[in-house]
Amino acid sequence: MESLYLLIPLSVILVFGILLVFAWSLGSGQFDDLEAQGRTVVDDDDSPKNDVALSTLAAATLTPDSGHCAKSSKP
């Protein structure tokens, strides 16, 4: 019975602490957009992240190979 004198005030303090943390999270915008992070996982983003790497790749594929002849001289 004496343990209730300790447990009841501790549980009340715990409940108020949880309510304070929840109120803080609501005020700081933690629950404003719950779906944005889930959408970013499944979005198909094909745009290149680095334009320098894209231009280097394009330059390497567009320059003709000097050792390769497109047409053969044999009939």
PDB file of N, CA and C in Angstrom:
ATOM      1  N   MET A   1       0.829  -1.200   0.000  1.00  0.00           N
ATOM      2  CA  MET A   1       0.000   0.000   0.000  1.00  0.00           C
ATOM      3  C   MET A   1       0.867   1.254   0.000  1.00  0.00           C
ATOM      4  N   GLU A   2       1.991   1.178   0.713  1.00  0.00           N
ATOM      5  CA  GLU A   2       2.857   2.345   0.761  1.00  0.00           C
ATOM      6  C   GLU A   2       3.496   2.629  -0.595  1.00  0.00           C
ATOM      7  N   SER A   3       3.612   1.611  -1.454  1.00  0.00           N
ATOM      8  CA  SER A   3       4.210   1.816  -2.770  1.00  0.00           C
ATOM      9  C   SER A   3       3.313   2.681  -3.666  1.00  0.00           C
ATOM     10  N   LEU A   4       2.016   2.663  -3.404  1.00  0.00           N
ATOM     11  CA  LEU A   4       1.103   3.501  -4.183  1.00  0.00           C
ATOM     12  C   LEU A   4       1.372   4.983  -3.944  1.00  0.00           C
ATOM     13  N   TYR A   5       1.841   5.336  -2.749  1.00  0.00           N
ATOM     14  CA  TYR A   5       2.165   6.739  -2.460  1.00  0.00           C
ATOM     15  C   TYR A   5       3.334   7.223  -3.325  1.00  0.00           C
ATOM     16  N   LEU A   6       4.135   6.303  -3.789  1.00  0.00           N
ATOM     17  CA  LEU A   6       5.248   6.650  -4.658  1.00  0.00           C
ATOM     18  C   LEU A   6       4.867   6.484  -6.136  1.00  0.00           C
ATOM     19  N   LEU A   7       4.138   5.425  -6.467  1.00  0.00           N
ATOM     20  CA  LEU A   7       3.842   5.126  -7.864  1.00  0.00           C
ATOM     21  C   LEU A   7       2.834   6.083  -8.495  1.00  0.00           C
ATOM     22  N   ILE A   8       1.841   6.514  -7.751  1.00  0.00           N
ATOM     23  CA  ILE A   8       0.825   7.412  -8.313  1.00  0.00           C
ATOM     24  C   ILE A   8       1.430   8.773  -8.662  1.00  0.00           C
ATOM     25  N   PRO A   9       2.182   9.428  -7.778  1.00  0.00           N
ATOM     26  CA  PRO A   9       2.799  10.696  -8.200  1.00  0.00           C
ATOM     27  C   PRO A   9       3.805  10.520  -9.348  1.00  0.00           C
ATOM     28  N   LEU A  10       4.557   9.424  -9.369  1.00  0.00           N
ATOM     29  CA  LEU A  10       5.486   9.186 -10.467  1.00  0.00           C
ATOM     30  C   LEU A  10       4.754   8.992 -11.795  1.00  0.00           C
ATOM     31  N   SER A  11       3.641   8.295 -11.782  1.00  0.00           N
ATOM     32  CA  SER A  11       2.884   8.088 -13.018  1.00  0.00           C
ATOM     33  C   SER A  11       2.256   9.394 -13.495  1.00  0.00           C
ATOM     34  N   VAL A  12       1.812  10.243 -12.564  1.00  0.00           N
ATOM     35  CA  VAL A  12       1.258  11.544 -12.954  1.00  0.00           C
ATOM     36  C   VAL A  12       2.346  12.420 -13.564  1.00  0.00           C
ATOM     37  N   ILE A  13       3.529  12.419 -12.974  1.00  0.00           N
ATOM     38  CA  ILE A  13       4.653  13.191 -13.526  1.00  0.00           C
ATOM     39  C   ILE A  13       5.035  12.652 -14.907  1.00  0.00           C
ATOM     40  N   LEU A  14       5.030  11.343 -15.074  1.00  0.00           N
ATOM     41  CA  LEU A  14       5.344  10.735 -16.353  1.00  0.00           C
ATOM     42  C   LEU A  14       4.319  11.124 -17.418  1.00  0.00           C
ATOM     43  N   VAL A  15       3.053  11.102 -17.076  1.00  0.00           N
ATOM     44  CA  VAL A  15       2.000  11.482 -18.023  1.00  0.00           C
ATOM     45  C   VAL A  15       2.156  12.946 -18.430  1.00  0.00           C
ATOM     46  N   PHE A  16       2.411  13.836 -17.473  1.00  0.00           N
ATOM     47  CA  PHE A  16       2.606  15.248 -17.818  1.00  0.00           C
ATOM     48  C   PHE A  16       3.859  15.440 -18.683  1.00  0.00           C
ATOM     49  N   GLY A  17       4.896  14.678 -18.417  1.00  0.00           N
ATOM     50  CA  GLY A  17       6.098  14.753 -19.247  1.00  0.00           C
ATOM     51  C   GLY A  17       5.831  14.306 -20.673  1.00  0.00           C
ATOM     52  N   ILE A  18       5.095  13.230 -20.812  1.00  0.00           N
ATOM     53  CA  ILE A  18       4.749  12.746 -22.154  1.00  0.00           C
ATOM     54  C   ILE A  18       3.876  13.760 -22.875  1.00  0.00           C
ATOM     55  N   LEU A  19       2.936  14.359 -22.172  1.00  0.00           N
ATOM     56  CA  LEU A  19       2.082  15.382 -22.794  1.00  0.00           C
ATOM     57  C   LEU A  19       2.891  16.611 -23.213  1.00  0.00           C
ATOM     58  N   LEU A  20       3.867  16.996 -22.417  1.00  0.00           N
ATOM     59  CA  LEU A  20       4.719  18.133 -22.778  1.00  0.00           C
ATOM     60  C   LEU A  20       5.550  17.833 -24.026  1.00  0.00           C
ATOM     61  N   VAL A  21       6.099  16.639 -24.097  1.00  0.00           N
ATOM     62  CA  VAL A  21       6.883  16.265 -25.278  1.00  0.00           C
ATOM     63  C   VAL A  21       5.992  16.200 -26.514  1.00  0.00           C
ATOM     64  N   PHE A  22       4.793  15.675 -26.382  1.00  0.00           N
ATOM     65  CA  PHE A  22       3.858  15.608 -27.497  1.00  0.00           C
ATOM     66  C   PHE A  22       3.436  17.001 -27.939  1.00  0.00           C
ATOM     67  N   ALA A  23       3.159  17.887 -26.994  1.00  0.00           N
ATOM     68  CA  ALA A  23       2.788  19.258 -27.343  1.00  0.00           C
ATOM     69  C   ALA A  23       3.942  19.973 -28.031  1.00  0.00           C
ATOM     70  N   TRP A  24       5.161  19.742 -27.578  1.00  0.00           N
ATOM     71  CA  TRP A  24       6.331  20.327 -28.230  1.00  0.00           C
ATOM     72  C   TRP A  24       6.472  19.822 -29.672  1.00  0.00           C
ATOM     73  N   SER A  25       6.257  18.528 -29.871  1.00  0.00           N
ATOM     74  CA  SER A  25       6.393  17.972 -31.217  1.00  0.00           C
ATOM     75  C   SER A  25       5.309  18.498 -32.150  1.00  0.00           C
ATOM     76  N   LEU A  26       4.120  18.718 -31.639  1.00  0.00           N
ATOM     77  CA  LEU A  26       3.076  19.323 -32.463  1.00  0.00           C
ATOM     78  C   LEU A  26       3.422  20.765 -32.822  1.00  0.00           C
ATOM     79  N   GLY A  27       3.946  21.505 -31.860  1.00  0.00           N
ATOM     80  CA  GLY A  27       4.292  22.903 -32.096  1.00  0.00           C
ATOM     81  C   GLY A  27       5.489  23.090 -33.005  1.00  0.00           C
ATOM     82  N   SER A  28       6.402  22.123 -33.028  1.00  0.00           N
ATOM     83  CA  SER A  28       7.605  22.270 -33.853  1.00  0.00           C
ATOM     84  C   SER A  28       7.419  21.731 -35.262  1.00  0.00           C
ATOM     85  N   GLY A  29       6.239  21.211 -35.590  1.00  0.00           N
ATOM     86  CA  GLY A  29       5.956  20.772 -36.955  1.00  0.00           C
ATOM     87  C   GLY A  29       6.360  19.353 -37.262  1.00  0.00           C
ATOM     88  N   GLN A  30       6.483  18.508 -36.277  1.00  0.00           N
ATOM     89  CA  GLN A  30       6.882  17.129 -36.514  1.00  0.00           C
ATOM     90  C   GLN A  30       5.817  16.343 -37.281  1.00  0.00           C
ATOM     91  N   PHE A  31       4.571  16.724 -37.163  1.00  0.00           N
ATOM     92  CA  PHE A  31       3.486  15.981 -37.795  1.00  0.00           C
ATOM     93  C   PHE A  31       2.838  16.755 -38.935  1.00  0.00           C
ATOM     94  N   ASP A  32       3.529  17.730 -39.520  1.00  0.00           N
ATOM     95  CA  ASP A  32       2.938  18.534 -40.585  1.00  0.00           C
ATOM     96  C   ASP A  32       2.761  17.730 -41.871  1.00  0.00           C
ATOM     97  N   ASP A  33       3.783  17.036 -42.314  1.00  0.00           N
ATOM     98  CA  ASP A  33       3.710  16.275 -43.559  1.00  0.00           C
ATOM     99  C   ASP A  33       4.226  14.865 -43.306  1.00  0.00           C
ATOM    100  N   LEU A  34       3.300  13.951 -43.107  1.00  0.00           N
ATOM    101  CA  LEU A  34       3.682  12.588 -42.756  1.00  0.00           C
ATOM    102  C   LEU A  34       3.988  11.726 -43.976  1.00  0.00           C
ATOM    103  N   GLU A  35       3.591  12.155 -45.178  1.00  0.00           N
ATOM    104  CA  GLU A  35       3.741  11.312 -46.350  1.00  0.00           C
ATOM    105  C   GLU A  35       4.901  11.690 -47.247  1.00  0.00           C
ATOM    106  N   ALA A  36       5.544  12.821 -47.032  1.00  0.00           N
ATOM    107  CA  ALA A  36       6.603  13.273 -47.939  1.00  0.00           C
ATOM    108  C   ALA A  36       7.796  12.325 -47.943  1.00  0.00           C
ATOM    109  N   GLN A  37       8.228  11.861 -46.797  1.00  0.00           N
ATOM    110  CA  GLN A  37       9.371  10.959 -46.754  1.00  0.00           C
ATOM    111  C   GLN A  37       9.049   9.616 -47.402  1.00  0.00           C
ATOM    112  N   GLY A  38       7.829   9.164 -47.289  1.00  0.00           N
ATOM    113  CA  GLY A  38       7.439   7.918 -47.941  1.00  0.00           C
ATOM    114  C   GLY A  38       7.401   8.053 -49.447  1.00  0.00           C
ATOM    115  N   ARG A  39       6.994   9.212 -49.949  1.00  0.00           N
ATOM    116  CA  ARG A  39       6.968   9.438 -51.394  1.00  0.00           C
ATOM    117  C   ARG A  39       8.368   9.548 -51.969  1.00  0.00           C
ATOM    118  N   THR A  40       9.308  10.097 -51.238  1.00  0.00           N
ATOM    119  CA  THR A  40      10.656  10.251 -51.775  1.00  0.00           C
ATOM    120  C   THR A  40      11.337   8.905 -51.973  1.00  0.00           C
ATOM    121  N   VAL A  41      10.913   7.896 -51.254  1.00  0.00           N
ATOM    122  CA  VAL A  41      11.512   6.579 -51.408  1.00  0.00           C
ATOM    123  C   VAL A  41      11.098   5.960 -52.741  1.00  0.00           C
ATOM    124  N   VAL A  42       9.844   6.130 -53.143  1.00  0.00           N
ATOM    125  CA  VAL A  42       9.348   5.482 -54.351  1.00  0.00           C
ATOM    126  C   VAL A  42       9.379   6.382 -55.578  1.00  0.00           C
ATOM    127  N   ASP A  43       9.723   7.645 -55.454  1.00  0.00           N
ATOM    128  CA  ASP A  43       9.816   8.526 -56.617  1.00  0.00           C
ATOM    129  C   ASP A  43      10.950   8.069 -57.515  1.00  0.00           C
ATOM    130  N   ASP A  44      10.670   8.054 -58.805  1.00  0.00           N
ATOM    131  CA  ASP A  44      11.681   7.673 -59.785  1.00  0.00           C
ATOM    132  C   ASP A  44      12.322   8.944 -60.310  1.00  0.00           C
ATOM    133  N   ASP A  45      13.492   9.252 -59.795  1.00  0.00           N
ATOM    134  CA  ASP A  45      14.183  10.471 -60.163  1.00  0.00           C
ATOM    135  C   ASP A  45      15.298  10.113 -61.139  1.00  0.00           C
ATOM    136  N   ASP A  46      15.030  10.333 -62.426  1.00  0.00           N
ATOM    137  CA  ASP A  46      16.009  10.001 -63.448  1.00  0.00           C
ATOM    138  C   ASP A  46      16.926  11.155 -63.787  1.00  0.00           C
ATOM    139  N   SER A  47      16.723  12.303 -63.189  1.00  0.00           N
ATOM    140  CA  SER A  47      17.575  13.442 -63.505  1.00  0.00           C
ATOM    141  C   SER A  47      18.966  13.225 -62.926  1.00  0.00           C
ATOM    142  N   PRO A  48      20.000  13.637 -63.657  1.00  0.00           N
ATOM    143  CA  PRO A  48      21.363  13.430 -63.158  1.00  0.00           C
ATOM    144  C   PRO A  48      21.669  14.342 -61.993  1.00  0.00           C
ATOM    145  N   LYS A  49      22.418  13.829 -61.065  1.00  0.00           N
ATOM    146  CA  LYS A  49      22.788  14.602 -59.886  1.00  0.00           C
ATOM    147  C   LYS A  49      23.959  15.523 -60.171  1.00  0.00           C
ATOM    148  N   ASN A  50      24.830  15.125 -61.095  1.00  0.00           N
ATOM    149  CA  ASN A  50      26.041  15.874 -61.346  1.00  0.00           C
ATOM    150  C   ASN A  50      26.120  16.172 -62.840  1.00  0.00           C
ATOM    151  N   ASP A  51      26.004  17.446 -63.237  1.00  0.00           N
ATOM    152  CA  ASP A  51      26.032  17.814 -64.641  1.00  0.00           C
ATOM    153  C   ASP A  51      27.408  17.601 -65.249  1.00  0.00           C
ATOM    154  N   VAL A  52      28.465  17.695 -64.464  1.00  0.00           N
ATOM    155  CA  VAL A  52      29.816  17.492 -64.970  1.00  0.00           C
ATOM    156  C   VAL A  52      29.990  16.034 -65.397  1.00  0.00           C
ATOM    157  N   ALA A  53      29.493  15.106 -64.599  1.00  0.00           N
ATOM    158  CA  ALA A  53      29.601  13.691 -64.946  1.00  0.00           C
ATOM    159  C   ALA A  53      28.782  13.391 -66.195  1.00  0.00           C
ATOM    160  N   LEU A  54      27.644  14.024 -66.363  1.00  0.00           N
ATOM    161  CA  LEU A  54      26.817  13.808 -67.538  1.00  0.00           C
ATOM    162  C   LEU A  54      27.510  14.342 -68.779  1.00  0.00           C
ATOM    163  N   SER A  55      28.109  15.526 -68.705  1.00  0.00           N
ATOM    164  CA  SER A  55      28.781  16.086 -69.873  1.00  0.00           C
ATOM    165  C   SER A  55      30.017  15.265 -70.234  1.00  0.00           C
ATOM    166  N   THR A  56      30.712  14.733 -69.252  1.00  0.00           N
ATOM    167  CA  THR A  56      31.868  13.881 -69.518  1.00  0.00           C
ATOM    168  C   THR A  56      31.424  12.595 -70.190  1.00  0.00           C
ATOM    169  N   LEU A  57      30.332  12.016 -69.722  1.00  0.00           N
ATOM    170  CA  LEU A  57      29.811  10.796 -70.319  1.00  0.00           C
ATOM    171  C   LEU A  57      29.335  11.053 -71.736  1.00  0.00           C
ATOM    172  N   ALA A  58      28.659  12.165 -71.974  1.00  0.00           N
ATOM    173  CA  ALA A  58      28.178  12.497 -73.310  1.00  0.00           C
ATOM    174  C   ALA A  58      29.339  12.742 -74.257  1.00  0.00           C
ATOM    175  N   ALA A  59      30.359  13.410 -73.791  1.00  0.00           N
ATOM    176  CA  ALA A  59      31.521  13.667 -74.635  1.00  0.00           C
ATOM    177  C   ALA A  59      32.237  12.370 -74.978  1.00  0.00           C
ATOM    178  N   ALA A  60      32.295  11.443 -74.064  1.00  0.00           N
ATOM    179  CA  ALA A  60      32.982  10.181 -74.320  1.00  0.00           C
ATOM    180  C   ALA A  60      32.201   9.312 -75.293  1.00  0.00           C
ATOM    181  N   THR A  61      30.891   9.374 -75.272  1.00  0.00           N
ATOM    182  CA  THR A  61      30.100   8.530 -76.164  1.00  0.00           C
ATOM    183  C   THR A  61      29.892   9.182 -77.524  1.00  0.00           C
ATOM    184  N   LEU A  62      30.002  10.490 -77.625  1.00  0.00           N
ATOM    185  CA  LEU A  62      29.766  11.163 -78.890  1.00  0.00           C
ATOM    186  C   LEU A  62      31.024  11.310 -79.737  1.00  0.00           C
ATOM    187  N   THR A  63      32.190  11.184 -79.183  1.00  0.00           N
ATOM    188  CA  THR A  63      33.407  11.307 -79.973  1.00  0.00           C
ATOM    189  C   THR A  63      33.662   9.993 -80.693  1.00  0.00           C
ATOM    190  N   PRO A  64      33.989  10.075 -81.966  1.00  0.00           N
ATOM    191  CA  PRO A  64      34.206   8.835 -82.717  1.00  0.00           C
ATOM    192  C   PRO A  64      35.532   8.188 -82.327  1.00  0.00           C
ATOM    193  N   ASP A  65      35.534   6.892 -82.404  1.00  0.00           N
ATOM    194  CA  ASP A  65      36.739   6.142 -82.106  1.00  0.00           C
ATOM    195  C   ASP A  65      37.637   6.189 -83.331  1.00  0.00           C
ATOM    196  N   SER A  66      38.861   6.680 -83.193  1.00  0.00           N
ATOM    197  CA  SER A  66      39.749   6.851 -84.332  1.00  0.00           C
ATOM    198  C   SER A  66      40.213   5.520 -84.912  1.00  0.00           C
ATOM    199  N   GLY A  67      40.216   4.464 -84.160  1.00  0.00           N
ATOM    200  CA  GLY A  67      40.680   3.176 -84.638  1.00  0.00           C
ATOM    201  C   GLY A  67      39.594   2.333 -85.259  1.00  0.00           C
ATOM    202  N   HIS A  68      38.366   2.812 -85.281  1.00  0.00           N
ATOM    203  CA  HIS A  68      37.249   2.012 -85.772  1.00  0.00           C
ATOM    204  C   HIS A  68      36.694   2.657 -87.038  1.00  0.00           C
ATOM    205  N   CYS A  69      36.561   1.865 -88.063  1.00  0.00           N
ATOM    206  CA  CYS A  69      36.026   2.346 -89.327  1.00  0.00           C
ATOM    207  C   CYS A  69      34.594   1.859 -89.465  1.00  0.00           C
ATOM    208  N   ALA A  70      33.677   2.770 -89.777  1.00  0.00           N
ATOM    209  CA  ALA A  70      32.272   2.423 -89.869  1.00  0.00           C
ATOM    210  C   ALA A  70      31.998   1.593 -91.115  1.00  0.00           C
ATOM    211  N   LYS A  71      32.642   1.919 -92.248  1.00  0.00           N
ATOM    212  CA  LYS A  71      32.402   1.181 -93.486  1.00  0.00           C
ATOM    213  C   LYS A  71      33.657   0.422 -93.867  1.00  0.00           C
ATOM    214  N   SER A  72      33.446  -0.754 -94.314  1.00  0.00           N
ATOM    215  CA  SER A  72      34.570  -1.571 -94.749  1.00  0.00           C
ATOM    216  C   SER A  72      34.859  -1.303 -96.215  1.00  0.00           C
ATOM    217  N   SER A  73      36.131  -1.367 -96.606  1.00  0.00           N
ATOM    218  CA  SER A  73      36.497  -1.155 -97.994  1.00  0.00           C
ATOM    219  C   SER A  73      36.310  -2.410 -98.832  1.00  0.00           C
ATOM    220  N   LYS A  74      36.107  -3.542 -98.184  1.00  0.00           N
ATOM    221  CA  LYS A  74      35.880  -4.804 -98.933  1.00  0.00           C
ATOM    222  C   LYS A  74      34.426  -4.895 -99.359  1.00  0.00           C
ATOM    223  N   PRO A  75      34.182  -5.437-100.556  1.00  0.00           N
ATOM    224  CA  PRO A  75      32.783  -5.566-101.028  1.00  0.00           C
ATOM    225  C   PRO A  75      31.998  -6.640-100.339  1.00  0.00           C
TER     226      PRO A  75
END
